[in-house]
Protein backbone atom coordinates (compact mmCIF):
# COMPACT_ATOMS: atom_id res chain seq x y z
CA MET A 1 25.40 37.48 3.59
CA VAL A 2 28.42 39.77 3.49
CA VAL A 3 31.30 39.62 1.02
CA GLU A 4 34.37 40.48 3.05
CA GLU A 5 37.19 42.24 1.30
CA ALA A 6 40.51 43.32 2.82
CA GLY A 7 40.80 47.02 3.49
CA ARG A 8 37.09 47.78 3.87
CA ALA A 9 36.17 50.29 6.55
CA ILE A 10 32.98 48.54 7.67
CA GLY A 11 32.44 44.96 8.68
CA PRO A 12 29.57 42.55 9.28
CA LYS A 13 28.51 44.15 12.58
CA GLU A 14 28.20 47.60 11.06
CA ILE A 15 26.31 46.22 8.08
CA ALA A 16 23.89 44.34 10.35
CA ASP A 17 23.35 47.50 12.40
CA VAL A 18 22.54 49.54 9.29
CA ILE A 19 20.17 47.06 7.63
CA GLY A 20 18.60 45.86 10.87
CA ARG A 21 19.14 42.19 10.00
CA PRO A 22 21.70 39.64 11.18
CA VAL A 23 24.58 38.64 8.96
CA ILE A 24 24.00 34.91 8.46
CA ALA A 25 27.14 34.18 6.43
CA ARG A 26 30.42 35.83 5.52
CA VAL A 27 32.13 35.16 2.19
CA PRO A 28 35.74 36.18 1.70
CA ALA A 29 36.48 37.85 -1.65
CA ARG A 30 38.77 35.45 -3.52
CA ASP A 31 40.29 35.18 -6.97
CA ALA A 32 38.86 31.66 -7.41
CA VAL A 33 35.30 33.02 -7.24
CA ALA A 34 36.05 35.81 -9.70
CA ARG A 35 37.64 33.34 -12.14
CA ALA A 36 34.64 31.00 -11.91
CA VAL A 37 32.27 33.91 -12.60
CA ASP A 38 34.38 35.14 -15.52
CA ALA A 39 34.54 31.63 -17.03
CA GLY A 40 30.78 31.14 -16.67
CA VAL A 41 31.19 27.98 -14.58
CA LEU A 42 30.18 29.23 -11.13
CA ALA A 43 26.92 27.21 -11.08
CA HIS A 44 28.75 24.02 -12.08
CA ARG A 45 31.99 24.38 -10.11
CA LEU A 46 31.22 26.35 -6.98
CA PRO A 47 34.47 27.13 -5.13
CA ASP A 48 34.56 25.90 -1.51
CA VAL A 49 35.24 29.44 -0.31
CA LEU A 50 31.76 30.35 -1.60
CA GLY A 51 29.99 27.02 -1.14
CA ARG A 52 30.45 26.75 2.61
CA PRO A 53 29.09 30.24 3.46
CA ALA A 54 26.24 29.78 0.97
CA ALA A 55 25.26 26.51 2.67
CA MET A 56 25.37 28.24 6.07
CA ALA A 57 23.10 31.00 4.80
CA LEU A 58 20.63 28.54 3.27
CA ARG A 59 20.53 26.52 6.50
CA ALA A 60 19.97 29.69 8.53
CA VAL A 61 16.84 30.52 6.53
CA GLY A 62 15.59 26.90 6.38
CA LEU A 63 16.26 26.31 2.69
CA LEU A 64 18.91 23.59 3.03
CA TRP A 65 18.34 20.31 4.81
CA ASP A 66 20.69 17.68 6.11
CA GLN A 67 20.83 14.12 4.76
CA ARG A 68 17.88 12.97 6.90
CA GLY A 69 15.56 15.58 5.38
CA ALA A 70 15.38 17.80 8.45
CA ALA A 71 16.45 21.41 8.41
CA ALA A 72 20.00 21.60 9.68
């Protein structure tokens, strides 16, 4: 999982090349996530901008299942 931030010189492809693993999700750096972390409520009020990529990453490694109980 890569946290993408504007102005960075390297992106997901370069990171994957260096670590030798695929990037399974990309999370944009956003103020909403920082505010939730600072307020201590991230686990209870996960911002969508973080929740969607986290779900993608968990599905990619088989740790999140769909409603029928099968890995998505």
